[in-house]
Amino acid sequence: MLPLANTEAMQMHLDEISCNVAAKAHGVVLMDRAGWHSTDKLKVPKNLTIILLPSRSPELNPVENIWQYLRQNWLSNRVFDDYDAIIEAGCQAWNKLIDQPETIMSIGLRDWAHKGK
């Protein structure tokens, strides 16, 4: 959980993804065209390739459905006492989700990404 969505946060995110790509493998990261995703200021690690999705097409971005799932299941209809409570709830929701890899896969699967297999 980071307090801002900006280039610095995106760089940290890409670096973390890069560290988790298996040796001799290459990762592909699908992203929308938010300014901090497409800036020339990012230093994309050599073991990653970024594919930018078309503008104004959230239906193509599986992570949009992940955020919706988190909100619907653990974060909606709540009042938080303070910023720390928001961070705590977000972390708890994320940790619950990552304990369910089959759920993540079912939410993120896109038929168009598997055509021809």
PDB file of N, CA and C in Angstrom:
ATOM      1  N   MET A   1       0.857  -1.167   0.000  1.00  0.00           N
ATOM      2  CA  MET A   1       0.000   0.000   0.000  1.00  0.00           C
ATOM      3  C   MET A   1       0.903   1.230   0.000  1.00  0.00           C
ATOM      4  N   LEU A   2       0.648   2.091  -0.925  1.00  0.00           N
ATOM      5  CA  LEU A   2       1.408   3.328  -1.023  1.00  0.00           C
ATOM      6  C   LEU A   2       0.444   4.512  -0.972  1.00  0.00           C
ATOM      7  N   PRO A   3       0.887   5.625  -0.436  1.00  0.00           N
ATOM      8  CA  PRO A   3      -0.020   6.771  -0.279  1.00  0.00           C
ATOM      9  C   PRO A   3      -0.302   7.525  -1.578  1.00  0.00           C
ATOM     10  N   LEU A   4       0.498   7.309  -2.611  1.00  0.00           N
ATOM     11  CA  LEU A   4       0.331   8.040  -3.858  1.00  0.00           C
ATOM     12  C   LEU A   4       0.430   7.093  -5.047  1.00  0.00           C
ATOM     13  N   ALA A   5      -0.270   7.439  -6.110  1.00  0.00           N
ATOM     14  CA  ALA A   5      -0.111   6.751  -7.387  1.00  0.00           C
ATOM     15  C   ALA A   5       0.637   7.713  -8.286  1.00  0.00           C
ATOM     16  N   ASN A   6       1.948   7.499  -8.400  1.00  0.00           N
ATOM     17  CA  ASN A   6       2.771   8.392  -9.197  1.00  0.00           C
ATOM     18  C   ASN A   6       3.940   7.611  -9.796  1.00  0.00           C
ATOM     19  N   THR A   7       4.823   8.303 -10.465  1.00  0.00           N
ATOM     20  CA  THR A   7       5.945   7.644 -11.133  1.00  0.00           C
ATOM     21  C   THR A   7       6.834   6.902 -10.145  1.00  0.00           C
ATOM     22  N   GLU A   8       7.114   7.500  -9.005  1.00  0.00           N
ATOM     23  CA  GLU A   8       7.963   6.838  -8.004  1.00  0.00           C
ATOM     24  C   GLU A   8       7.321   5.535  -7.525  1.00  0.00           C
ATOM     25  N   ALA A   9       6.027   5.569  -7.260  1.00  0.00           N
ATOM     26  CA  ALA A   9       5.324   4.361  -6.822  1.00  0.00           C
ATOM     27  C   ALA A   9       5.339   3.301  -7.931  1.00  0.00           C
ATOM     28  N   MET A  10       5.137   3.729  -9.177  1.00  0.00           N
ATOM     29  CA  MET A  10       5.150   2.794 -10.300  1.00  0.00           C
ATOM     30  C   MET A  10       6.523   2.157 -10.462  1.00  0.00           C
ATOM     31  N   GLN A  11       7.571   2.953 -10.261  1.00  0.00           N
ATOM     32  CA  GLN A  11       8.924   2.408 -10.360  1.00  0.00           C
ATOM     33  C   GLN A  11       9.145   1.340  -9.293  1.00  0.00           C
ATOM     34  N   MET A  12       8.683   1.617  -8.089  1.00  0.00           N
ATOM     35  CA  MET A  12       8.803   0.628  -7.009  1.00  0.00           C
ATOM     36  C   MET A  12       8.037  -0.646  -7.371  1.00  0.00           C
ATOM     37  N   HIS A  13       6.872  -0.477  -7.964  1.00  0.00           N
ATOM     38  CA  HIS A  13       6.038  -1.618  -8.356  1.00  0.00           C
ATOM     39  C   HIS A  13       6.740  -2.461  -9.428  1.00  0.00           C
ATOM     40  N   LEU A  14       7.264  -1.806 -10.460  1.00  0.00           N
ATOM     41  CA  LEU A  14       7.976  -2.534 -11.514  1.00  0.00           C
ATOM     42  C   LEU A  14       9.210  -3.245 -10.975  1.00  0.00           C
ATOM     43  N   ASP A  15       9.944  -2.583 -10.092  1.00  0.00           N
ATOM     44  CA  ASP A  15      11.135  -3.203  -9.505  1.00  0.00           C
ATOM     45  C   ASP A  15      10.756  -4.448  -8.702  1.00  0.00           C
ATOM     46  N   GLU A  16       9.641  -4.379  -7.986  1.00  0.00           N
ATOM     47  CA  GLU A  16       9.173  -5.535  -7.207  1.00  0.00           C
ATOM     48  C   GLU A  16       8.747  -6.675  -8.122  1.00  0.00           C
ATOM     49  N   ILE A  17       8.021  -6.347  -9.182  1.00  0.00           N
ATOM     50  CA  ILE A  17       7.642  -7.384 -10.151  1.00  0.00           C
ATOM     51  C   ILE A  17       8.890  -8.029 -10.731  1.00  0.00           C
ATOM     52  N   SER A  18       9.846  -7.206 -11.126  1.00  0.00           N
ATOM     53  CA  SER A  18      11.082  -7.690 -11.731  1.00  0.00           C
ATOM     54  C   SER A  18      11.815  -8.676 -10.817  1.00  0.00           C
ATOM     55  N   CYS A  19      11.840  -8.385  -9.549  1.00  0.00           N
ATOM     56  CA  CYS A  19      12.521  -9.263  -8.587  1.00  0.00           C
ATOM     57  C   CYS A  19      11.843 -10.621  -8.461  1.00  0.00           C
ATOM     58  N   ASN A  20      10.586 -10.702  -8.875  1.00  0.00           N
ATOM     59  CA  ASN A  20       9.829 -11.945  -8.733  1.00  0.00           C
ATOM     60  C   ASN A  20       9.669 -12.717 -10.033  1.00  0.00           C
ATOM     61  N   VAL A  21      10.318 -12.254 -11.090  1.00  0.00           N
ATOM     62  CA  VAL A  21      10.332 -12.989 -12.352  1.00  0.00           C
ATOM     63  C   VAL A  21      11.449 -14.024 -12.262  1.00  0.00           C
ATOM     64  N   ALA A  22      11.125 -15.255 -12.607  1.00  0.00           N
ATOM     65  CA  ALA A  22      12.110 -16.337 -12.519  1.00  0.00           C
ATOM     66  C   ALA A  22      13.348 -16.024 -13.360  1.00  0.00           C
ATOM     67  N   ALA A  23      14.479 -16.543 -12.919  1.00  0.00           N
ATOM     68  CA  ALA A  23      15.731 -16.370 -13.663  1.00  0.00           C
ATOM     69  C   ALA A  23      15.553 -16.905 -15.079  1.00  0.00           C
ATOM     70  N   LYS A  24      16.089 -16.219 -16.049  1.00  0.00           N
ATOM     71  CA  LYS A  24      16.018 -16.554 -17.476  1.00  0.00           C
ATOM     72  C   LYS A  24      14.600 -16.473 -18.045  1.00  0.00           C
ATOM     73  N   ALA A  25      13.675 -15.905 -17.290  1.00  0.00           N
ATOM     74  CA  ALA A  25      12.308 -15.699 -17.786  1.00  0.00           C
ATOM     75  C   ALA A  25      12.129 -14.219 -18.090  1.00  0.00           C
ATOM     76  N   HIS A  26      11.023 -13.888 -18.721  1.00  0.00           N
ATOM     77  CA  HIS A  26      10.719 -12.503 -19.048  1.00  0.00           C
ATOM     78  C   HIS A  26       9.261 -12.250 -18.696  1.00  0.00           C
ATOM     79  N   GLY A  27       9.006 -11.143 -18.019  1.00  0.00           N
ATOM     80  CA  GLY A  27       7.653 -10.795 -17.608  1.00  0.00           C
ATOM     81  C   GLY A  27       7.033  -9.749 -18.518  1.00  0.00           C
ATOM     82  N   VAL A  28       5.717  -9.843 -18.679  1.00  0.00           N
ATOM     83  CA  VAL A  28       4.964  -8.866 -19.441  1.00  0.00           C
ATOM     84  C   VAL A  28       3.955  -8.235 -18.493  1.00  0.00           C
ATOM     85  N   VAL A  29       3.907  -6.908 -18.491  1.00  0.00           N
ATOM     86  CA  VAL A  29       3.003  -6.177 -17.609  1.00  0.00           C
ATOM     87  C   VAL A  29       2.025  -5.390 -18.474  1.00  0.00           C
ATOM     88  N   LEU A  30       0.740  -5.733 -18.348  1.00  0.00           N
ATOM     89  CA  LEU A  30      -0.315  -4.988 -19.044  1.00  0.00           C
ATOM     90  C   LEU A  30      -0.700  -3.800 -18.189  1.00  0.00           C
ATOM     91  N   MET A  31      -0.780  -2.624 -18.798  1.00  0.00           N
ATOM     92  CA  MET A  31      -1.136  -1.431 -18.034  1.00  0.00           C
ATOM     93  C   MET A  31      -2.031  -0.527 -18.859  1.00  0.00           C
ATOM     94  N   ASP A  32      -2.846   0.241 -18.135  1.00  0.00           N
ATOM     95  CA  ASP A  32      -3.608   1.281 -18.816  1.00  0.00           C
ATOM     96  C   ASP A  32      -2.667   2.450 -19.085  1.00  0.00           C
ATOM     97  N   ARG A  33      -3.195   3.532 -19.552  1.00  0.00           N
ATOM     98  CA  ARG A  33      -2.347   4.649 -19.958  1.00  0.00           C
ATOM     99  C   ARG A  33      -2.318   5.793 -18.946  1.00  0.00           C
ATOM    100  N   ALA A  34      -2.432   5.439 -17.679  1.00  0.00           N
ATOM    101  CA  ALA A  34      -2.273   6.461 -16.645  1.00  0.00           C
ATOM    102  C   ALA A  34      -0.906   7.119 -16.833  1.00  0.00           C
ATOM    103  N   GLY A  35      -0.821   8.396 -16.526  1.00  0.00           N
ATOM    104  CA  GLY A  35       0.411   9.151 -16.760  1.00  0.00           C
ATOM    105  C   GLY A  35       1.640   8.524 -16.130  1.00  0.00           C
ATOM    106  N   TRP A  36       1.505   7.972 -14.963  1.00  0.00           N
ATOM    107  CA  TRP A  36       2.655   7.380 -14.273  1.00  0.00           C
ATOM    108  C   TRP A  36       3.007   6.003 -14.830  1.00  0.00           C
ATOM    109  N   HIS A  37       2.166   5.431 -15.704  1.00  0.00           N
ATOM    110  CA  HIS A  37       2.478   4.157 -16.353  1.00  0.00           C
ATOM    111  C   HIS A  37       3.260   4.366 -17.641  1.00  0.00           C
ATOM    112  N   SER A  38       3.043   5.494 -18.285  1.00  0.00           N
ATOM    113  CA  SER A  38       3.602   5.686 -19.625  1.00  0.00           C
ATOM    114  C   SER A  38       4.668   6.774 -19.705  1.00  0.00           C
ATOM    115  N   THR A  39       5.113   7.257 -18.581  1.00  0.00           N
ATOM    116  CA  THR A  39       6.126   8.306 -18.576  1.00  0.00           C
ATOM    117  C   THR A  39       7.497   7.774 -18.990  1.00  0.00           C
ATOM    118  N   ASP A  40       8.256   8.604 -19.647  1.00  0.00           N
ATOM    119  CA  ASP A  40       9.632   8.244 -20.021  1.00  0.00           C
ATOM    120  C   ASP A  40      10.550   8.206 -18.807  1.00  0.00           C
ATOM    121  N   LYS A  41      10.078   8.668 -17.669  1.00  0.00           N
ATOM    122  CA  LYS A  41      10.893   8.684 -16.454  1.00  0.00           C
ATOM    123  C   LYS A  41      11.022   7.298 -15.826  1.00  0.00           C
ATOM    124  N   LEU A  42      10.183   6.344 -16.231  1.00  0.00           N
ATOM    125  CA  LEU A  42      10.299   4.985 -15.702  1.00  0.00           C
ATOM    126  C   LEU A  42      11.516   4.294 -16.292  1.00  0.00           C
ATOM    127  N   LYS A  43      12.204   3.559 -15.464  1.00  0.00           N
ATOM    128  CA  LYS A  43      13.308   2.718 -15.916  1.00  0.00           C
ATOM    129  C   LYS A  43      12.805   1.279 -15.856  1.00  0.00           C
ATOM    130  N   VAL A  44      12.306   0.799 -16.994  1.00  0.00           N
ATOM    131  CA  VAL A  44      11.732  -0.539 -17.048  1.00  0.00           C
ATOM    132  C   VAL A  44      12.853  -1.567 -16.931  1.00  0.00           C
ATOM    133  N   PRO A  45      12.767  -2.452 -15.944  1.00  0.00           N
ATOM    134  CA  PRO A  45      13.800  -3.493 -15.804  1.00  0.00           C
ATOM    135  C   PRO A  45      13.918  -4.329 -17.081  1.00  0.00           C
ATOM    136  N   LYS A  46      15.112  -4.806 -17.344  1.00  0.00           N
ATOM    137  CA  LYS A  46      15.393  -5.531 -18.587  1.00  0.00           C
ATOM    138  C   LYS A  46      14.589  -6.827 -18.716  1.00  0.00           C
ATOM    139  N   ASN A  47      14.140  -7.384 -17.596  1.00  0.00           N
ATOM    140  CA  ASN A  47      13.397  -8.644 -17.667  1.00  0.00           C
ATOM    141  C   ASN A  47      11.876  -8.424 -17.742  1.00  0.00           C
ATOM    142  N   LEU A  48      11.458  -7.181 -18.028  1.00  0.00           N
ATOM    143  CA  LEU A  48      10.041  -6.862 -18.165  1.00  0.00           C
ATOM    144  C   LEU A  48       9.773  -6.136 -19.480  1.00  0.00           C
ATOM    145  N   THR A  49       8.591  -6.365 -20.016  1.00  0.00           N
ATOM    146  CA  THR A  49       8.081  -5.596 -21.144  1.00  0.00           C
ATOM    147  C   THR A  49       6.728  -5.046 -20.735  1.00  0.00           C
ATOM    148  N   ILE A  50       6.495  -3.777 -20.999  1.00  0.00           N
ATOM    149  CA  ILE A  50       5.218  -3.153 -20.695  1.00  0.00           C
ATOM    150  C   ILE A  50       4.390  -3.113 -21.979  1.00  0.00           C
ATOM    151  N   ILE A  51       3.155  -3.544 -21.881  1.00  0.00           N
ATOM    152  CA  ILE A  51       2.203  -3.411 -22.974  1.00  0.00           C
ATOM    153  C   ILE A  51       1.116  -2.469 -22.485  1.00  0.00           C
ATOM    154  N   LEU A  52       0.992  -1.337 -23.172  1.00  0.00           N
ATOM    155  CA  LEU A  52      -0.033  -0.361 -22.809  1.00  0.00           C
ATOM    156  C   LEU A  52      -1.332  -0.690 -23.535  1.00  0.00           C
ATOM    157  N   LEU A  53      -2.400  -0.791 -22.787  1.00  0.00           N
ATOM    158  CA  LEU A  53      -3.721  -1.070 -23.343  1.00  0.00           C
ATOM    159  C   LEU A  53      -4.268   0.184 -24.015  1.00  0.00           C
ATOM    160  N   PRO A  54      -5.230   0.025 -24.914  1.00  0.00           N
ATOM    161  CA  PRO A  54      -5.829   1.204 -25.549  1.00  0.00           C
ATOM    162  C   PRO A  54      -6.470   2.133 -24.515  1.00  0.00           C
ATOM    163  N   SER A  55      -6.492   3.401 -24.819  1.00  0.00           N
ATOM    164  CA  SER A  55      -7.107   4.391 -23.929  1.00  0.00           C
ATOM    165  C   SER A  55      -8.592   4.092 -23.738  1.00  0.00           C
ATOM    166  N   ARG A  56      -9.074   4.467 -22.577  1.00  0.00           N
ATOM    167  CA  ARG A  56     -10.496   4.357 -22.239  1.00  0.00           C
ATOM    168  C   ARG A  56     -11.063   2.967 -22.502  1.00  0.00           C
ATOM    169  N   SER A  57     -10.342   1.943 -22.037  1.00  0.00           N
ATOM    170  CA  SER A  57     -10.817   0.567 -22.206  1.00  0.00           C
ATOM    171  C   SER A  57     -10.583  -0.242 -20.925  1.00  0.00           C
ATOM    172  N   PRO A  58     -11.194   0.172 -19.813  1.00  0.00           N
ATOM    173  CA  PRO A  58     -10.955  -0.537 -18.553  1.00  0.00           C
ATOM    174  C   PRO A  58     -11.374  -2.005 -18.593  1.00  0.00           C
ATOM    175  N   GLU A  59     -12.287  -2.353 -19.510  1.00  0.00           N
ATOM    176  CA  GLU A  59     -12.721  -3.743 -19.602  1.00  0.00           C
ATOM    177  C   GLU A  59     -11.592  -4.678 -20.046  1.00  0.00           C
ATOM    178  N   LEU A  60     -10.547  -4.125 -20.650  1.00  0.00           N
ATOM    179  CA  LEU A  60      -9.401  -4.937 -21.067  1.00  0.00           C
ATOM    180  C   LEU A  60      -8.386  -5.142 -19.944  1.00  0.00           C
ATOM    181  N   ASN A  61      -8.507  -4.366 -18.891  1.00  0.00           N
ATOM    182  CA  ASN A  61      -7.519  -4.379 -17.822  1.00  0.00           C
ATOM    183  C   ASN A  61      -8.012  -5.230 -16.655  1.00  0.00           C
ATOM    184  N   PRO A  62      -7.494  -6.450 -16.503  1.00  0.00           N
ATOM    185  CA  PRO A  62      -7.960  -7.344 -15.451  1.00  0.00           C
ATOM    186  C   PRO A  62      -7.845  -6.757 -14.047  1.00  0.00           C
ATOM    187  N   VAL A  63      -6.869  -5.895 -13.816  1.00  0.00           N
ATOM    188  CA  VAL A  63      -6.691  -5.367 -12.459  1.00  0.00           C
ATOM    189  C   VAL A  63      -7.878  -4.502 -12.047  1.00  0.00           C
ATOM    190  N   GLU A  64      -8.576  -3.917 -13.014  1.00  0.00           N
ATOM    191  CA  GLU A  64      -9.778  -3.148 -12.665  1.00  0.00           C
ATOM    192  C   GLU A  64     -10.805  -4.049 -11.993  1.00  0.00           C
ATOM    193  N   ASN A  65     -10.890  -5.294 -12.448  1.00  0.00           N
ATOM    194  CA  ASN A  65     -11.814  -6.247 -11.835  1.00  0.00           C
ATOM    195  C   ASN A  65     -11.325  -6.712 -10.463  1.00  0.00           C
ATOM    196  N   ILE A  66     -10.016  -6.757 -10.293  1.00  0.00           N
ATOM    197  CA  ILE A  66      -9.454  -7.103  -8.974  1.00  0.00           C
ATOM    198  C   ILE A  66      -9.838  -6.034  -7.962  1.00  0.00           C
ATOM    199  N   TRP A  67      -9.671  -4.755  -8.327  1.00  0.00           N
ATOM    200  CA  TRP A  67     -10.033  -3.678  -7.395  1.00  0.00           C
ATOM    201  C   TRP A  67     -11.516  -3.739  -7.072  1.00  0.00           C
ATOM    202  N   GLN A  68     -12.349  -4.014  -8.076  1.00  0.00           N
ATOM    203  CA  GLN A  68     -13.792  -4.120  -7.856  1.00  0.00           C
ATOM    204  C   GLN A  68     -14.105  -5.257  -6.882  1.00  0.00           C
ATOM    205  N   TYR A  69     -13.435  -6.387  -7.048  1.00  0.00           N
ATOM    206  CA  TYR A  69     -13.633  -7.528  -6.152  1.00  0.00           C
ATOM    207  C   TYR A  69     -13.242  -7.164  -4.721  1.00  0.00           C
ATOM    208  N   LEU A  70     -12.109  -6.507  -4.562  1.00  0.00           N
ATOM    209  CA  LEU A  70     -11.669  -6.095  -3.221  1.00  0.00           C
ATOM    210  C   LEU A  70     -12.698  -5.175  -2.571  1.00  0.00           C
ATOM    211  N   ARG A  71     -13.169  -4.199  -3.327  1.00  0.00           N
ATOM    212  CA  ARG A  71     -14.162  -3.261  -2.780  1.00  0.00           C
ATOM    213  C   ARG A  71     -15.440  -3.994  -2.400  1.00  0.00           C
ATOM    214  N   GLN A  72     -15.938  -4.835  -3.296  1.00  0.00           N
ATOM    215  CA  GLN A  72     -17.208  -5.513  -3.054  1.00  0.00           C
ATOM    216  C   GLN A  72     -17.146  -6.467  -1.870  1.00  0.00           C
ATOM    217  N   ASN A  73     -16.015  -7.114  -1.679  1.00  0.00           N
ATOM    218  CA  ASN A  73     -15.927  -8.156  -0.656  1.00  0.00           C
ATOM    219  C   ASN A  73     -15.401  -7.686   0.694  1.00  0.00           C
ATOM    220  N   TRP A  74     -14.546  -6.679   0.706  1.00  0.00           N
ATOM    221  CA  TRP A  74     -13.917  -6.334   1.977  1.00  0.00           C
ATOM    222  C   TRP A  74     -13.825  -4.847   2.290  1.00  0.00           C
ATOM    223  N   LEU A  75     -14.048  -3.987   1.329  1.00  0.00           N
ATOM    224  CA  LEU A  75     -13.775  -2.569   1.582  1.00  0.00           C
ATOM    225  C   LEU A  75     -14.984  -1.641   1.466  1.00  0.00           C
ATOM    226  N   SER A  76     -16.075  -2.096   0.893  1.00  0.00           N
ATOM    227  CA  SER A  76     -17.206  -1.187   0.677  1.00  0.00           C
ATOM    228  C   SER A  76     -18.089  -1.069   1.916  1.00  0.00           C
ATOM    229  N   ASN A  77     -18.912  -0.029   1.922  1.00  0.00           N
ATOM    230  CA  ASN A  77     -19.884   0.221   2.989  1.00  0.00           C
ATOM    231  C   ASN A  77     -19.241   0.247   4.375  1.00  0.00           C
ATOM    232  N   ARG A  78     -18.130   0.923   4.454  1.00  0.00           N
ATOM    233  CA  ARG A  78     -17.402   1.042   5.722  1.00  0.00           C
ATOM    234  C   ARG A  78     -17.009   2.490   5.939  1.00  0.00           C
ATOM    235  N   VAL A  79     -16.886   2.839   7.193  1.00  0.00           N
ATOM    236  CA  VAL A  79     -16.366   4.145   7.571  1.00  0.00           C
ATOM    237  C   VAL A  79     -15.062   3.887   8.314  1.00  0.00           C
ATOM    238  N   PHE A  80     -14.013   4.556   7.882  1.00  0.00           N
ATOM    239  CA  PHE A  80     -12.704   4.359   8.491  1.00  0.00           C
ATOM    240  C   PHE A  80     -12.413   5.510   9.451  1.00  0.00           C
ATOM    241  N   ASP A  81     -11.822   5.186  10.582  1.00  0.00           N
ATOM    242  CA  ASP A  81     -11.535   6.199  11.598  1.00  0.00           C
ATOM    243  C   ASP A  81     -10.466   7.178  11.153  1.00  0.00           C
ATOM    244  N   ASP A  82      -9.473   6.662  10.421  1.00  0.00           N
ATOM    245  CA  ASP A  82      -8.370   7.523  10.018  1.00  0.00           C
ATOM    246  C   ASP A  82      -7.598   6.858   8.875  1.00  0.00           C
ATOM    247  N   TYR A  83      -6.563   7.539   8.428  1.00  0.00           N
ATOM    248  CA  TYR A  83      -5.738   7.046   7.324  1.00  0.00           C
ATOM    249  C   TYR A  83      -5.149   5.676   7.636  1.00  0.00           C
ATOM    250  N   ASP A  84      -4.657   5.498   8.858  1.00  0.00           N
ATOM    251  CA  ASP A  84      -4.064   4.205   9.226  1.00  0.00           C
ATOM    252  C   ASP A  84      -5.076   3.071   9.121  1.00  0.00           C
ATOM    253  N   ALA A  85      -6.334   3.343   9.452  1.00  0.00           N
ATOM    254  CA  ALA A  85      -7.379   2.323   9.346  1.00  0.00           C
ATOM    255  C   ALA A  85      -7.630   1.961   7.875  1.00  0.00           C
ATOM    256  N   ILE A  86      -7.520   2.937   6.993  1.00  0.00           N
ATOM    257  CA  ILE A  86      -7.679   2.671   5.563  1.00  0.00           C
ATOM    258  C   ILE A  86      -6.546   1.765   5.078  1.00  0.00           C
ATOM    259  N   ILE A  87      -5.344   2.100   5.471  1.00  0.00           N
ATOM    260  CA  ILE A  87      -4.184   1.282   5.072  1.00  0.00           C
ATOM    261  C   ILE A  87      -4.312  -0.134   5.621  1.00  0.00           C
ATOM    262  N   GLU A  88      -4.689  -0.254   6.868  1.00  0.00           N
ATOM    263  CA  GLU A  88      -4.853  -1.569   7.497  1.00  0.00           C
ATOM    264  C   GLU A  88      -5.910  -2.396   6.770  1.00  0.00           C
ATOM    265  N   ALA A  89      -7.053  -1.793   6.466  1.00  0.00           N
ATOM    266  CA  ALA A  89      -8.122  -2.508   5.766  1.00  0.00           C
ATOM    267  C   ALA A  89      -7.671  -2.925   4.366  1.00  0.00           C
ATOM    268  N   GLY A  90      -6.969  -2.041   3.675  1.00  0.00           N
ATOM    269  CA  GLY A  90      -6.468  -2.363   2.341  1.00  0.00           C
ATOM    270  C   GLY A  90      -5.486  -3.520   2.372  1.00  0.00           C
ATOM    271  N   CYS A  91      -4.593  -3.507   3.328  1.00  0.00           N
ATOM    272  CA  CYS A  91      -3.611  -4.595   3.460  1.00  0.00           C
ATOM    273  C   CYS A  91      -4.291  -5.913   3.815  1.00  0.00           C
ATOM    274  N   GLN A  92      -5.257  -5.861   4.713  1.00  0.00           N
ATOM    275  CA  GLN A  92      -5.988  -7.078   5.085  1.00  0.00           C
ATOM    276  C   GLN A  92      -6.734  -7.649   3.878  1.00  0.00           C
ATOM    277  N   ALA A  93      -7.389  -6.776   3.129  1.00  0.00           N
ATOM    278  CA  ALA A  93      -8.121  -7.229   1.947  1.00  0.00           C
ATOM    279  C   ALA A  93      -7.168  -7.859   0.931  1.00  0.00           C
ATOM    280  N   TRP A  94      -6.047  -7.193   0.700  1.00  0.00           N
ATOM    281  CA  TRP A  94      -5.067  -7.723  -0.259  1.00  0.00           C
ATOM    282  C   TRP A  94      -4.543  -9.080   0.187  1.00  0.00           C
ATOM    283  N   ASN A  95      -4.217  -9.213   1.468  1.00  0.00           N
ATOM    284  CA  ASN A  95      -3.693 -10.486   1.980  1.00  0.00           C
ATOM    285  C   ASN A  95      -4.733 -11.596   1.886  1.00  0.00           C
ATOM    286  N   LYS A  96      -6.000 -11.278   2.108  1.00  0.00           N
ATOM    287  CA  LYS A  96      -7.058 -12.283   1.928  1.00  0.00           C
ATOM    288  C   LYS A  96      -7.110 -12.729   0.474  1.00  0.00           C
ATOM    289  N   LEU A  97      -6.997 -11.773  -0.429  1.00  0.00           N
ATOM    290  CA  LEU A  97      -7.072 -12.102  -1.852  1.00  0.00           C
ATOM    291  C   LEU A  97      -5.891 -12.956  -2.298  1.00  0.00           C
ATOM    292  N   ILE A  98      -4.687 -12.613  -1.891  1.00  0.00           N
ATOM    293  CA  ILE A  98      -3.526 -13.378  -2.383  1.00  0.00           C
ATOM    294  C   ILE A  98      -3.486 -14.793  -1.812  1.00  0.00           C
ATOM    295  N   ASP A  99      -4.281 -15.045  -0.788  1.00  0.00           N
ATOM    296  CA  ASP A  99      -4.421 -16.415  -0.286  1.00  0.00           C
ATOM    297  C   ASP A  99      -5.393 -17.228  -1.140  1.00  0.00           C
ATOM    298  N   GLN A 100      -5.947 -16.601  -2.183  1.00  0.00           N
ATOM    299  CA  GLN A 100      -6.920 -17.254  -3.059  1.00  0.00           C
ATOM    300  C   GLN A 100      -6.480 -17.153  -4.525  1.00  0.00           C
ATOM    301  N   PRO A 101      -5.376 -17.797  -4.894  1.00  0.00           N
ATOM    302  CA  PRO A 101      -4.879 -17.650  -6.270  1.00  0.00           C
ATOM    303  C   PRO A 101      -5.902 -18.068  -7.324  1.00  0.00           C
ATOM    304  N   GLU A 102      -6.746 -19.045  -7.003  1.00  0.00           N
ATOM    305  CA  GLU A 102      -7.763 -19.467  -7.971  1.00  0.00           C
ATOM    306  C   GLU A 102      -8.785 -18.357  -8.233  1.00  0.00           C
ATOM    307  N   THR A 103      -9.073 -17.567  -7.216  1.00  0.00           N
ATOM    308  CA  THR A 103      -9.985 -16.436  -7.384  1.00  0.00           C
ATOM    309  C   THR A 103      -9.344 -15.373  -8.264  1.00  0.00           C
ATOM    310  N   ILE A 104      -8.084 -15.074  -8.007  1.00  0.00           N
ATOM    311  CA  ILE A 104      -7.372 -14.084  -8.819  1.00  0.00           C
ATOM    312  C   ILE A 104      -7.368 -14.526 -10.280  1.00  0.00           C
ATOM    313  N   MET A 105      -7.090 -15.802 -10.504  1.00  0.00           N
ATOM    314  CA  MET A 105      -7.030 -16.301 -11.872  1.00  0.00           C
ATOM    315  C   MET A 105      -8.404 -16.200 -12.541  1.00  0.00           C
ATOM    316  N   SER A 106      -9.465 -16.539 -11.816  1.00  0.00           N
ATOM    317  CA  SER A 106     -10.794 -16.492 -12.424  1.00  0.00           C
ATOM    318  C   SER A 106     -11.218 -15.055 -12.719  1.00  0.00           C
ATOM    319  N   ILE A 107     -10.824 -14.117 -11.892  1.00  0.00           N
ATOM    320  CA  ILE A 107     -11.159 -12.712 -12.115  1.00  0.00           C
ATOM    321  C   ILE A 107     -10.353 -12.144 -13.280  1.00  0.00           C
ATOM    322  N   GLY A 108      -9.084 -12.509 -13.361  1.00  0.00           N
ATOM    323  CA  GLY A 108      -8.186 -11.904 -14.332  1.00  0.00           C
ATOM    324  C   GLY A 108      -8.119 -12.571 -15.682  1.00  0.00           C
ATOM    325  N   LEU A 109      -8.704 -13.750 -15.824  1.00  0.00           N
ATOM    326  CA  LEU A 109      -8.622 -14.470 -17.090  1.00  0.00           C
ATOM    327  C   LEU A 109      -9.349 -13.715 -18.199  1.00  0.00           C
ATOM    328  N   ARG A 110      -8.704 -13.581 -19.324  1.00  0.00           N
ATOM    329  CA  ARG A 110      -9.296 -12.940 -20.493  1.00  0.00           C
ATOM    330  C   ARG A 110      -9.200 -13.889 -21.677  1.00  0.00           C
ATOM    331  N   ASP A 111     -10.337 -14.222 -22.257  1.00  0.00           N
ATOM    332  CA  ASP A 111     -10.347 -15.137 -23.403  1.00  0.00           C
ATOM    333  C   ASP A 111      -9.470 -14.635 -24.537  1.00  0.00           C
ATOM    334  N   TRP A 112      -9.497 -13.301 -24.781  1.00  0.00           N
ATOM    335  CA  TRP A 112      -8.735 -12.758 -25.903  1.00  0.00           C
ATOM    336  C   TRP A 112      -7.234 -12.977 -25.747  1.00  0.00           C
ATOM    337  N   ALA A 113      -6.779 -13.159 -24.503  1.00  0.00           N
ATOM    338  CA  ALA A 113      -5.351 -13.371 -24.266  1.00  0.00           C
ATOM    339  C   ALA A 113      -4.936 -14.817 -24.511  1.00  0.00           C
ATOM    340  N   HIS A 114      -5.904 -15.693 -24.680  1.00  0.00           N
ATOM    341  CA  HIS A 114      -5.614 -17.112 -24.837  1.00  0.00           C
ATOM    342  C   HIS A 114      -6.033 -17.663 -26.201  1.00  0.00           C
ATOM    343  N   LYS A 115      -6.466 -16.801 -27.080  1.00  0.00           N
ATOM    344  CA  LYS A 115      -6.859 -17.249 -28.415  1.00  0.00           C
ATOM    345  C   LYS A 115      -5.678 -17.894 -29.115  1.00  0.00           C
ATOM    346  N   GLY A 116      -5.946 -18.960 -29.825  1.00  0.00           N
ATOM    347  CA  GLY A 116      -4.898 -19.631 -30.590  1.00  0.00           C
ATOM    348  C   GLY A 116      -4.126 -20.670 -29.797  1.00  0.00           C
ATOM    349  N   LYS A 117      -4.437 -20.813 -28.502  1.00  0.00           N
ATOM    350  CA  LYS A 117      -3.738 -21.836 -27.706  1.00  0.00           C
ATOM    351  C   LYS A 117      -4.448 -23.158 -27.819  1.00  0.00           C
TER     352      LYS A 117
END
